[in-house]
């Protein structure tokens, strides 16, 4: 497999690179990768373990600049994972929408032009909009969407549009497109000082006198280990059915309060957990949990790591 990888310098990308690095080290089948990066030298300076790897080539480019994509082509697969999920809140809604939709279209144009046979888009569970009351886990067949008339929903709407572009390019140009609808994750590359609740809880457990839950603690989430994420994405890239979407995440639901208490019990036993808001304060997105039966039944995928194991692995020295 000759793979063009976008988003390879972020949380998803580094999980994939470590996964493939381990496979190459074990002499197993793994792709040769060209990683698109706006700043290859900065990435290698921060992640020297990926320097001088014979299976990895870094190419300076930007998904929003089609002329910067590798001119020679020669790829058999594209895995498009580029989107600023960490930096997203710093972008305005128009910038977020353009980055996702225009970037996806540029990569699909590139795949069509160079006759690249397989294309995996990392989308989001955010495409479903609010999880309906009484729905324990969202299946791929649920066609809800965020309210398109609210600018703050630019991310979820843009991901829906990117998915539709995949369907159009498959019909028009024969590019086999697969969509990974990704939910919530944890791993060694998770930032601890941005808008991810589980990262904030780990930070507080390690450095603060109290673990603070900013809301009322009642929303329900689930978390997949970063290592399982990489394993699932490669399986979808290779074997996902063209024209289909697959949820990627964990079905092990947990309230935000229970999550804070689990982090406390694992990392800082006895440390108090402070619930900052009164009951009923968290009225939006009460539940965000995927149904993963499709990936499990069609592709034989499963989780190798529990949430507790993932939390402990996140904080151990690497």
C-alpha atoms as a PDB file:
ATOM      1  CA  UNK A   1       0.000   0.000   0.000  1.00  0.00           C
ATOM      2  CA  UNK A   2       1.237   3.471  -0.958  1.00  0.00           C
ATOM      3  CA  UNK A   3      -0.629   5.869   1.329  1.00  0.00           C
ATOM      4  CA  UNK A   4      -1.057   9.634   1.344  1.00  0.00           C
ATOM      5  CA  UNK A   5      -1.889  10.670   4.921  1.00  0.00           C
ATOM      6  CA  UNK A   6      -3.253  14.072   5.885  1.00  0.00           C
ATOM      7  CA  UNK A   7      -3.615  15.108   9.508  1.00  0.00           C
ATOM      8  CA  UNK A   8      -0.642  12.913  10.301  1.00  0.00           C
ATOM      9  CA  UNK A   9       0.848  15.346  12.789  1.00  0.00           C
ATOM     10  CA  UNK A  10      -2.223  15.443  15.063  1.00  0.00           C
ATOM     11  CA  UNK A  11      -3.837  13.097  17.582  1.00  0.00           C
ATOM     12  CA  UNK A  12      -5.207  10.695  14.960  1.00  0.00           C
ATOM     13  CA  UNK A  13      -2.100  10.831  12.797  1.00  0.00           C
ATOM     14  CA  UNK A  14       0.404  10.121  15.540  1.00  0.00           C
ATOM     15  CA  UNK A  15      -1.678   7.169  16.706  1.00  0.00           C
ATOM     16  CA  UNK A  16      -1.571   5.791  13.163  1.00  0.00           C
ATOM     17  CA  UNK A  17       2.159   6.424  12.764  1.00  0.00           C
ATOM     18  CA  UNK A  18       2.958   4.582  16.007  1.00  0.00           C
ATOM     19  CA  UNK A  19       0.690   1.728  14.924  1.00  0.00           C
ATOM     20  CA  UNK A  20       2.481   1.399  11.593  1.00  0.00           C
ATOM     21  CA  UNK A  21       5.894   1.895  13.170  1.00  0.00           C
ATOM     22  CA  UNK A  22       5.205  -1.107  15.388  1.00  0.00           C
ATOM     23  CA  UNK A  23       4.044  -3.192  12.421  1.00  0.00           C
ATOM     24  CA  UNK A  24       7.127  -2.291  10.393  1.00  0.00           C
ATOM     25  CA  UNK A  25       9.348  -3.108  13.384  1.00  0.00           C
ATOM     26  CA  UNK A  26       7.707  -6.520  13.662  1.00  0.00           C
ATOM     27  CA  UNK A  27       8.133  -7.204   9.953  1.00  0.00           C
ATOM     28  CA  UNK A  28       4.386  -7.208   9.355  1.00  0.00           C
ATOM     29  CA  UNK A  29       2.444  -5.809   6.408  1.00  0.00           C
ATOM     30  CA  UNK A  30       2.232  -2.032   6.730  1.00  0.00           C
ATOM     31  CA  UNK A  31       1.964   0.825   4.239  1.00  0.00           C
ATOM     32  CA  UNK A  32       4.603   3.129   2.866  1.00  0.00           C
ATOM     33  CA  UNK A  33       3.427   6.577   3.880  1.00  0.00           C
ATOM     34  CA  UNK A  34       3.740  10.101   2.577  1.00  0.00           C
ATOM     35  CA  UNK A  35       2.626  12.462   5.323  1.00  0.00           C
ATOM     36  CA  UNK A  36       1.362  15.892   4.292  1.00  0.00           C
ATOM     37  CA  UNK A  37       2.455  18.563   6.787  1.00  0.00           C
ATOM     38  CA  UNK A  38       2.553  22.336   6.782  1.00  0.00           C
ATOM     39  CA  UNK A  39       5.761  22.214   8.862  1.00  0.00           C
ATOM     40  CA  UNK A  40       7.597  18.883   8.486  1.00  0.00           C
ATOM     41  CA  UNK A  41      10.723  20.014  10.343  1.00  0.00           C
ATOM     42  CA  UNK A  42       8.707  21.263  13.312  1.00  0.00           C
ATOM     43  CA  UNK A  43       6.882  17.939  13.462  1.00  0.00           C
ATOM     44  CA  UNK A  44      10.122  15.934  13.423  1.00  0.00           C
ATOM     45  CA  UNK A  45      11.663  18.212  16.041  1.00  0.00           C
ATOM     46  CA  UNK A  46       8.740  17.477  18.373  1.00  0.00           C
ATOM     47  CA  UNK A  47       8.543  13.790  17.414  1.00  0.00           C
ATOM     48  CA  UNK A  48      12.088  12.608  16.658  1.00  0.00           C
ATOM     49  CA  UNK A  49      11.067   8.955  16.800  1.00  0.00           C
ATOM     50  CA  UNK A  50       9.606   9.389  13.307  1.00  0.00           C
ATOM     51  CA  UNK A  51      12.804  10.768  11.750  1.00  0.00           C
ATOM     52  CA  UNK A  52      14.801   8.598   9.333  1.00  0.00           C
ATOM     53  CA  UNK A  53      12.092   5.972   9.011  1.00  0.00           C
ATOM     54  CA  UNK A  54      12.420   4.270   5.607  1.00  0.00           C
ATOM     55  CA  UNK A  55       8.658   3.763   5.347  1.00  0.00           C
ATOM     56  CA  UNK A  56       7.794   7.430   6.062  1.00  0.00           C
ATOM     57  CA  UNK A  57       8.249  10.474   3.842  1.00  0.00           C
ATOM     58  CA  UNK A  58       7.149  13.964   4.848  1.00  0.00           C
ATOM     59  CA  UNK A  59       5.891  16.364   2.196  1.00  0.00           C
ATOM     60  CA  UNK A  60       5.388  20.056   2.890  1.00  0.00           C
ATOM     61  CA  UNK A  61       1.871  20.976   1.848  1.00  0.00           C
ATOM     62  CA  UNK A  62      -1.562  22.190   2.889  1.00  0.00           C
ATOM     63  CA  UNK A  63      -4.957  20.676   2.105  1.00  0.00           C
ATOM     64  CA  UNK A  64      -6.263  24.178   1.344  1.00  0.00           C
ATOM     65  CA  UNK A  65      -3.601  24.662  -1.355  1.00  0.00           C
ATOM     66  CA  UNK A  66      -4.067  21.986  -4.057  1.00  0.00           C
ATOM     67  CA  UNK A  67      -0.856  23.056  -5.813  1.00  0.00           C
ATOM     68  CA  UNK A  68       1.110  22.005  -2.717  1.00  0.00           C
ATOM     69  CA  UNK A  69       0.030  18.355  -2.898  1.00  0.00           C
ATOM     70  CA  UNK A  70       2.645  15.792  -4.041  1.00  0.00           C
ATOM     71  CA  UNK A  71       2.967  16.270  -7.800  1.00  0.00           C
ATOM     72  CA  UNK A  72       3.949  12.728  -8.742  1.00  0.00           C
ATOM     73  CA  UNK A  73       0.984  10.847  -7.316  1.00  0.00           C
ATOM     74  CA  UNK A  74       1.599   7.102  -7.317  1.00  0.00           C
ATOM     75  CA  UNK A  75      -0.597   6.434  -4.278  1.00  0.00           C
ATOM     76  CA  UNK A  76      -3.027   3.546  -3.902  1.00  0.00           C
ATOM     77  CA  UNK A  77      -4.840   4.948  -0.849  1.00  0.00           C
ATOM     78  CA  UNK A  78      -5.653   8.285   0.829  1.00  0.00           C
ATOM     79  CA  UNK A  79      -6.448   8.636   4.526  1.00  0.00           C
ATOM     80  CA  UNK A  80      -7.784  12.142   5.058  1.00  0.00           C
ATOM     81  CA  UNK A  81      -7.666  13.026   8.756  1.00  0.00           C
ATOM     82  CA  UNK A  82      -6.760  16.718   8.579  1.00  0.00           C
ATOM     83  CA  UNK A  83      -8.919  19.032  10.704  1.00  0.00           C
ATOM     84  CA  UNK A  84      -8.001  21.234  13.635  1.00  0.00           C
ATOM     85  CA  UNK A  85     -10.065  19.518  16.347  1.00  0.00           C
ATOM     86  CA  UNK A  86      -7.743  20.804  19.060  1.00  0.00           C
ATOM     87  CA  UNK A  87      -7.412  24.298  17.620  1.00  0.00           C
ATOM     88  CA  UNK A  88     -10.980  24.290  16.308  1.00  0.00           C
ATOM     89  CA  UNK A  89     -12.455  26.677  18.907  1.00  0.00           C
ATOM     90  CA  UNK A  90      -9.891  29.282  17.799  1.00  0.00           C
ATOM     91  CA  UNK A  91     -11.312  29.241  14.260  1.00  0.00           C
ATOM     92  CA  UNK A  92     -14.481  31.095  13.344  1.00  0.00           C
ATOM     93  CA  UNK A  93     -17.339  29.008  11.898  1.00  0.00           C
ATOM     94  CA  UNK A  94     -16.573  30.032   8.316  1.00  0.00           C
ATOM     95  CA  UNK A  95     -12.933  28.996   8.705  1.00  0.00           C
ATOM     96  CA  UNK A  96     -13.897  25.634  10.220  1.00  0.00           C
ATOM     97  CA  UNK A  97     -16.383  24.942   7.435  1.00  0.00           C
ATOM     98  CA  UNK A  98     -13.927  25.887   4.684  1.00  0.00           C
ATOM     99  CA  UNK A  99     -11.104  23.828   6.159  1.00  0.00           C
ATOM    100  CA  UNK A 100     -13.234  20.689   6.275  1.00  0.00           C
ATOM    101  CA  UNK A 101     -15.250  20.998   3.055  1.00  0.00           C
ATOM    102  CA  UNK A 102     -12.660  22.637   0.793  1.00  0.00           C
ATOM    103  CA  UNK A 103      -9.867  20.436   2.134  1.00  0.00           C
ATOM    104  CA  UNK A 104     -11.878  17.277   1.494  1.00  0.00           C
ATOM    105  CA  UNK A 105     -12.773  18.391  -2.015  1.00  0.00           C
ATOM    106  CA  UNK A 106      -9.136  19.131  -2.834  1.00  0.00           C
ATOM    107  CA  UNK A 107      -8.098  15.649  -1.681  1.00  0.00           C
ATOM    108  CA  UNK A 108     -10.924  14.002  -3.606  1.00  0.00           C
ATOM    109  CA  UNK A 109      -9.951  15.971  -6.718  1.00  0.00           C
ATOM    110  CA  UNK A 110      -6.403  14.742  -6.223  1.00  0.00           C
ATOM    111  CA  UNK A 111      -7.567  11.135  -5.817  1.00  0.00           C
ATOM    112  CA  UNK A 112      -9.671  11.353  -8.977  1.00  0.00           C
ATOM    113  CA  UNK A 113      -6.877  13.003 -10.979  1.00  0.00           C
ATOM    114  CA  UNK A 114      -4.264  10.432  -9.941  1.00  0.00           C
ATOM    115  CA  UNK A 115      -6.637   7.441 -10.084  1.00  0.00           C
ATOM    116  CA  UNK A 116      -6.209   6.565  -6.413  1.00  0.00           C
ATOM    117  CA  UNK A 117      -8.482   3.630  -5.700  1.00  0.00           C
ATOM    118  CA  UNK A 118      -9.338   3.991  -1.971  1.00  0.00           C
ATOM    119  CA  UNK A 119     -10.154   7.028   0.145  1.00  0.00           C
ATOM    120  CA  UNK A 120     -10.944   7.044   3.888  1.00  0.00           C
ATOM    121  CA  UNK A 121     -12.467  10.184   5.378  1.00  0.00           C
ATOM    122  CA  UNK A 122     -12.329  10.674   9.144  1.00  0.00           C
ATOM    123  CA  UNK A 123     -15.671  12.257   9.875  1.00  0.00           C
ATOM    124  CA  UNK A 124     -17.335  12.729  13.267  1.00  0.00           C
ATOM    125  CA  UNK A 125     -20.209  11.559  15.403  1.00  0.00           C
ATOM    126  CA  UNK A 126     -21.072  15.254  15.417  1.00  0.00           C
ATOM    127  CA  UNK A 127     -22.775  14.740  12.047  1.00  0.00           C
ATOM    128  CA  UNK A 128     -25.763  13.179  13.835  1.00  0.00           C
ATOM    129  CA  UNK A 129     -26.665  16.258  15.845  1.00  0.00           C
ATOM    130  CA  UNK A 130     -28.200  15.784  19.310  1.00  0.00           C
ATOM    131  CA  UNK A 131     -28.699  12.165  20.321  1.00  0.00           C
ATOM    132  CA  UNK A 132     -32.465  11.635  20.715  1.00  0.00           C
ATOM    133  CA  UNK A 133     -33.841  10.838  24.168  1.00  0.00           C
ATOM    134  CA  UNK A 134     -34.253   7.100  24.558  1.00  0.00           C
ATOM    135  CA  UNK A 135     -31.538   6.251  22.007  1.00  0.00           C
ATOM    136  CA  UNK A 136     -28.806   4.543  24.007  1.00  0.00           C
ATOM    137  CA  UNK A 137     -26.302   4.431  21.138  1.00  0.00           C
ATOM    138  CA  UNK A 138     -26.400   6.139  17.729  1.00  0.00           C
ATOM    139  CA  UNK A 139     -26.412   3.779  14.725  1.00  0.00           C
ATOM    140  CA  UNK A 140     -25.120   4.741  11.293  1.00  0.00           C
ATOM    141  CA  UNK A 141     -28.700   4.532   9.995  1.00  0.00           C
ATOM    142  CA  UNK A 142     -29.775   7.528  12.107  1.00  0.00           C
ATOM    143  CA  UNK A 143     -29.923  10.495   9.727  1.00  0.00           C
ATOM    144  CA  UNK A 144     -30.256  13.361  12.170  1.00  0.00           C
ATOM    145  CA  UNK A 145     -28.089  16.433  11.621  1.00  0.00           C
ATOM    146  CA  UNK A 146     -27.147  19.527  13.619  1.00  0.00           C
ATOM    147  CA  UNK A 147     -29.298  22.601  12.961  1.00  0.00           C
ATOM    148  CA  UNK A 148     -27.769  24.046   9.762  1.00  0.00           C
ATOM    149  CA  UNK A 149     -29.073  27.533  10.551  1.00  0.00           C
ATOM    150  CA  UNK A 150     -26.844  27.874  13.615  1.00  0.00           C
ATOM    151  CA  UNK A 151     -23.276  28.988  12.795  1.00  0.00           C
ATOM    152  CA  UNK A 152     -21.858  27.232  15.864  1.00  0.00           C
ATOM    153  CA  UNK A 153     -22.750  23.919  14.180  1.00  0.00           C
ATOM    154  CA  UNK A 154     -20.287  24.535  11.340  1.00  0.00           C
ATOM    155  CA  UNK A 155     -18.129  21.543  12.301  1.00  0.00           C
ATOM    156  CA  UNK A 156     -20.888  18.925  12.214  1.00  0.00           C
ATOM    157  CA  UNK A 157     -22.531  20.343   9.100  1.00  0.00           C
ATOM    158  CA  UNK A 158     -19.180  20.575   7.305  1.00  0.00           C
ATOM    159  CA  UNK A 159     -18.433  16.937   8.115  1.00  0.00           C
ATOM    160  CA  UNK A 160     -21.840  15.959   6.665  1.00  0.00           C
ATOM    161  CA  UNK A 161     -21.001  17.916   3.504  1.00  0.00           C
ATOM    162  CA  UNK A 162     -17.579  16.246   3.304  1.00  0.00           C
ATOM    163  CA  UNK A 163     -19.261  12.838   3.540  1.00  0.00           C
ATOM    164  CA  UNK A 164     -21.620  13.798   0.710  1.00  0.00           C
ATOM    165  CA  UNK A 165     -18.664  14.860  -1.423  1.00  0.00           C
ATOM    166  CA  UNK A 166     -17.230  11.371  -0.920  1.00  0.00           C
ATOM    167  CA  UNK A 167     -20.452   9.855  -2.260  1.00  0.00           C
ATOM    168  CA  UNK A 168     -20.431  12.202  -5.257  1.00  0.00           C
ATOM    169  CA  UNK A 169     -16.818  11.470  -6.159  1.00  0.00           C
ATOM    170  CA  UNK A 170     -17.380   7.753  -5.844  1.00  0.00           C
ATOM    171  CA  UNK A 171     -20.306   7.971  -8.275  1.00  0.00           C
ATOM    172  CA  UNK A 172     -18.621  10.378 -10.694  1.00  0.00           C
ATOM    173  CA  UNK A 173     -15.018   9.139 -10.669  1.00  0.00           C
ATOM    174  CA  UNK A 174     -15.083   5.656  -9.177  1.00  0.00           C
ATOM    175  CA  UNK A 175     -13.003   6.511  -6.100  1.00  0.00           C
ATOM    176  CA  UNK A 176     -13.917   3.958  -3.421  1.00  0.00           C
ATOM    177  CA  UNK A 177     -14.764   6.143  -0.437  1.00  0.00           C
ATOM    178  CA  UNK A 178     -15.285   4.982   3.151  1.00  0.00           C
ATOM    179  CA  UNK A 179     -16.311   7.207   6.066  1.00  0.00           C
ATOM    180  CA  UNK A 180     -15.177   6.775   9.688  1.00  0.00           C
ATOM    181  CA  UNK A 181     -17.542   8.627  12.043  1.00  0.00           C
ATOM    182  CA  UNK A 182     -15.289   9.162  15.031  1.00  0.00           C
ATOM    183  CA  UNK A 183     -16.548   9.850  18.552  1.00  0.00           C
ATOM    184  CA  UNK A 184     -14.398  10.524  21.665  1.00  0.00           C
ATOM    185  CA  UNK A 185     -10.872   9.295  22.372  1.00  0.00           C
ATOM    186  CA  UNK A 186      -8.085   9.259  24.910  1.00  0.00           C
ATOM    187  CA  UNK A 187      -4.378   8.579  24.583  1.00  0.00           C
ATOM    188  CA  UNK A 188      -0.868   9.859  25.121  1.00  0.00           C
ATOM    189  CA  UNK A 189      -1.286  12.694  22.598  1.00  0.00           C
ATOM    190  CA  UNK A 190      -4.447  14.110  24.167  1.00  0.00           C
ATOM    191  CA  UNK A 191      -3.933  17.771  25.149  1.00  0.00           C
ATOM    192  CA  UNK A 192      -4.665  18.320  28.838  1.00  0.00           C
ATOM    193  CA  UNK A 193      -5.245  22.071  28.716  1.00  0.00           C
ATOM    194  CA  UNK A 194      -7.854  22.591  26.000  1.00  0.00           C
ATOM    195  CA  UNK A 195     -11.581  21.831  25.727  1.00  0.00           C
ATOM    196  CA  UNK A 196     -11.498  18.039  26.261  1.00  0.00           C
ATOM    197  CA  UNK A 197     -13.121  17.160  29.605  1.00  0.00           C
ATOM    198  CA  UNK A 198     -11.182  13.942  30.155  1.00  0.00           C
ATOM    199  CA  UNK A 199      -7.896  15.747  29.500  1.00  0.00           C
ATOM    200  CA  UNK A 200      -8.823  18.445  32.001  1.00  0.00           C
ATOM    201  CA  UNK A 201      -9.655  15.824  34.630  1.00  0.00           C
ATOM    202  CA  UNK A 202      -6.292  14.126  34.127  1.00  0.00           C
ATOM    203  CA  UNK A 203      -4.522  17.494  34.393  1.00  0.00           C
ATOM    204  CA  UNK A 204      -6.380  18.283  37.619  1.00  0.00           C
ATOM    205  CA  UNK A 205      -5.642  14.843  39.041  1.00  0.00           C
ATOM    206  CA  UNK A 206      -1.934  15.331  38.389  1.00  0.00           C
ATOM    207  CA  UNK A 207      -1.481  19.004  39.291  1.00  0.00           C
ATOM    208  CA  UNK A 208      -4.496  20.623  40.999  1.00  0.00           C
ATOM    209  CA  UNK A 209      -5.873  20.346  44.529  1.00  0.00           C
ATOM    210  CA  UNK A 210      -9.337  19.489  43.159  1.00  0.00           C
ATOM    211  CA  UNK A 211     -10.710  17.801  40.041  1.00  0.00           C
ATOM    212  CA  UNK A 212     -13.276  20.237  38.666  1.00  0.00           C
ATOM    213  CA  UNK A 213     -16.305  19.314  36.577  1.00  0.00           C
ATOM    214  CA  UNK A 214     -17.374  22.547  34.920  1.00  0.00           C
ATOM    215  CA  UNK A 215     -21.001  21.437  34.357  1.00  0.00           C
ATOM    216  CA  UNK A 216     -23.384  19.346  36.461  1.00  0.00           C
ATOM    217  CA  UNK A 217     -21.714  16.039  35.590  1.00  0.00           C
ATOM    218  CA  UNK A 218     -24.768  14.387  34.031  1.00  0.00           C
ATOM    219  CA  UNK A 219     -23.881  14.220  30.288  1.00  0.00           C
ATOM    220  CA  UNK A 220     -22.981  10.723  29.097  1.00  0.00           C
ATOM    221  CA  UNK A 221     -19.940   9.980  26.942  1.00  0.00           C
ATOM    222  CA  UNK A 222     -17.726   7.047  25.952  1.00  0.00           C
ATOM    223  CA  UNK A 223     -14.019   6.904  25.118  1.00  0.00           C
ATOM    224  CA  UNK A 224     -11.896   4.770  22.820  1.00  0.00           C
ATOM    225  CA  UNK A 225      -8.184   4.269  23.386  1.00  0.00           C
ATOM    226  CA  UNK A 226      -5.962   5.976  20.814  1.00  0.00           C
ATOM    227  CA  UNK A 227      -4.311   2.648  20.001  1.00  0.00           C
ATOM    228  CA  UNK A 228      -7.666   1.057  19.187  1.00  0.00           C
ATOM    229  CA  UNK A 229      -8.514   4.098  17.056  1.00  0.00           C
ATOM    230  CA  UNK A 230      -5.471   3.478  14.850  1.00  0.00           C
ATOM    231  CA  UNK A 231      -6.292  -0.225  14.539  1.00  0.00           C
ATOM    232  CA  UNK A 232      -9.884   0.517  13.500  1.00  0.00           C
ATOM    233  CA  UNK A 233      -8.940   3.227  11.014  1.00  0.00           C
ATOM    234  CA  UNK A 234      -6.499   0.951   9.218  1.00  0.00           C
ATOM    235  CA  UNK A 235      -9.151  -1.781   9.053  1.00  0.00           C
ATOM    236  CA  UNK A 236     -11.634   0.656   7.514  1.00  0.00           C
ATOM    237  CA  UNK A 237      -9.018   1.933   5.079  1.00  0.00           C
ATOM    238  CA  UNK A 238      -8.276  -1.585   3.857  1.00  0.00           C
ATOM    239  CA  UNK A 239     -11.584  -3.391   4.204  1.00  0.00           C
ATOM    240  CA  UNK A 240     -14.447  -0.955   4.812  1.00  0.00           C
ATOM    241  CA  UNK A 241     -17.234  -1.275   2.248  1.00  0.00           C
ATOM    242  CA  UNK A 242     -17.109   1.504  -0.318  1.00  0.00           C
ATOM    243  CA  UNK A 243     -19.922   4.000   0.039  1.00  0.00           C
ATOM    244  CA  UNK A 244     -20.495   3.147   3.699  1.00  0.00           C
ATOM    245  CA  UNK A 245     -19.950   4.935   7.004  1.00  0.00           C
ATOM    246  CA  UNK A 246     -18.817   3.215  10.202  1.00  0.00           C
ATOM    247  CA  UNK A 247     -18.972   4.525  13.751  1.00  0.00           C
ATOM    248  CA  UNK A 248     -15.591   4.482  15.498  1.00  0.00           C
ATOM    249  CA  UNK A 249     -15.628   4.656  19.279  1.00  0.00           C
ATOM    250  CA  UNK A 250     -16.634   2.831  22.438  1.00  0.00           C
ATOM    251  CA  UNK A 251     -20.088   1.759  23.590  1.00  0.00           C
ATOM    252  CA  UNK A 252     -19.031   1.805  27.274  1.00  0.00           C
ATOM    253  CA  UNK A 253     -21.122   4.759  28.438  1.00  0.00           C
ATOM    254  CA  UNK A 254     -20.094   6.820  31.476  1.00  0.00           C
ATOM    255  CA  UNK A 255     -21.365  10.094  32.931  1.00  0.00           C
ATOM    256  CA  UNK A 256     -18.976  13.007  33.135  1.00  0.00           C
ATOM    257  CA  UNK A 257     -19.151  12.858  36.925  1.00  0.00           C
ATOM    258  CA  UNK A 258     -18.331   9.142  36.915  1.00  0.00           C
ATOM    259  CA  UNK A 259     -15.482   9.871  34.508  1.00  0.00           C
ATOM    260  CA  UNK A 260     -13.995  12.465  36.854  1.00  0.00           C
ATOM    261  CA  UNK A 261     -14.299  10.024  39.745  1.00  0.00           C
ATOM    262  CA  UNK A 262     -12.668   7.225  37.730  1.00  0.00           C
ATOM    263  CA  UNK A 263      -9.738   9.490  36.847  1.00  0.00           C
ATOM    264  CA  UNK A 264      -9.479  10.430  40.543  1.00  0.00           C
ATOM    265  CA  UNK A 265      -9.548   6.817  41.699  1.00  0.00           C
ATOM    266  CA  UNK A 266      -6.846   5.798  39.215  1.00  0.00           C
ATOM    267  CA  UNK A 267      -4.495   8.759  39.445  1.00  0.00           C
ATOM    268  CA  UNK A 268      -5.158  10.637  42.688  1.00  0.00           C
ATOM    269  CA  UNK A 269      -7.108   8.564  45.231  1.00  0.00           C
ATOM    270  CA  UNK A 270      -8.789  10.723  47.828  1.00  0.00           C
ATOM    271  CA  UNK A 271      -8.633  13.949  45.847  1.00  0.00           C
ATOM    272  CA  UNK A 272     -11.990  15.785  45.894  1.00  0.00           C
ATOM    273  CA  UNK A 273     -14.150  16.109  42.773  1.00  0.00           C
ATOM    274  CA  UNK A 274     -15.951  19.455  42.552  1.00  0.00           C
ATOM    275  CA  UNK A 275     -19.177  19.707  40.516  1.00  0.00           C
ATOM    276  CA  UNK A 276     -19.308  23.367  39.511  1.00  0.00           C
ATOM    277  CA  UNK A 277     -22.875  23.678  38.202  1.00  0.00           C
ATOM    278  CA  UNK A 278     -26.249  22.932  39.731  1.00  0.00           C
ATOM    279  CA  UNK A 279     -28.241  19.909  38.584  1.00  0.00           C
ATOM    280  CA  UNK A 280     -29.945  20.551  35.264  1.00  0.00           C
ATOM    281  CA  UNK A 281     -27.324  22.986  33.994  1.00  0.00           C
ATOM    282  CA  UNK A 282     -26.102  20.662  31.226  1.00  0.00           C
ATOM    283  CA  UNK A 283     -29.106  20.547  28.924  1.00  0.00           C
ATOM    284  CA  UNK A 284     -27.290  20.291  25.565  1.00  0.00           C
ATOM    285  CA  UNK A 285     -25.859  17.079  24.093  1.00  0.00           C
ATOM    286  CA  UNK A 286     -26.735  14.983  27.119  1.00  0.00           C
ATOM    287  CA  UNK A 287     -25.605  11.749  25.493  1.00  0.00           C
ATOM    288  CA  UNK A 288     -22.915  11.058  22.877  1.00  0.00           C
ATOM    289  CA  UNK A 289     -22.380   7.317  22.509  1.00  0.00           C
ATOM    290  CA  UNK A 290     -22.026   5.339  19.254  1.00  0.00           C
ATOM    291  CA  UNK A 291     -23.440   1.987  18.252  1.00  0.00           C
ATOM    292  CA  UNK A 292     -20.465   0.095  16.819  1.00  0.00           C
ATOM    293  CA  UNK A 293     -22.271  -3.106  15.826  1.00  0.00           C
ATOM    294  CA  UNK A 294     -21.652  -2.464  12.129  1.00  0.00           C
ATOM    295  CA  UNK A 295     -17.864  -2.330  12.497  1.00  0.00           C
ATOM    296  CA  UNK A 296     -17.854  -5.232  14.916  1.00  0.00           C
ATOM    297  CA  UNK A 297     -20.078  -7.509  12.841  1.00  0.00           C
ATOM    298  CA  UNK A 298     -18.865  -6.617   9.344  1.00  0.00           C
ATOM    299  CA  UNK A 299     -15.141  -6.280  10.059  1.00  0.00           C
ATOM    300  CA  UNK A 300     -14.620  -8.199  13.287  1.00  0.00           C
ATOM    301  CA  UNK A 301     -13.387  -5.127  15.140  1.00  0.00           C
ATOM    302  CA  UNK A 302     -13.319  -4.884  18.919  1.00  0.00           C
ATOM    303  CA  UNK A 303     -11.641  -2.903  21.683  1.00  0.00           C
ATOM    304  CA  UNK A 304      -8.302  -4.096  23.024  1.00  0.00           C
ATOM    305  CA  UNK A 305      -8.137  -1.566  25.885  1.00  0.00           C
ATOM    306  CA  UNK A 306     -10.570  -0.531  28.616  1.00  0.00           C
ATOM    307  CA  UNK A 307     -11.096   3.088  29.610  1.00  0.00           C
ATOM    308  CA  UNK A 308      -9.173   2.525  32.845  1.00  0.00           C
ATOM    309  CA  UNK A 309      -6.238   1.063  30.915  1.00  0.00           C
ATOM    310  CA  UNK A 310      -6.365   3.970  28.485  1.00  0.00           C
ATOM    311  CA  UNK A 311      -6.246   6.553  31.306  1.00  0.00           C
ATOM    312  CA  UNK A 312      -3.256   4.845  32.916  1.00  0.00           C
ATOM    313  CA  UNK A 313      -1.459   4.576  29.570  1.00  0.00           C
ATOM    314  CA  UNK A 314      -2.095   8.279  28.871  1.00  0.00           C
ATOM    315  CA  UNK A 315      -0.136   9.427  31.910  1.00  0.00           C
ATOM    316  CA  UNK A 316       2.714   6.930  31.974  1.00  0.00           C
ATOM    317  CA  UNK A 317       6.104   8.054  30.579  1.00  0.00           C
ATOM    318  CA  UNK A 318       6.589   7.225  26.902  1.00  0.00           C
END
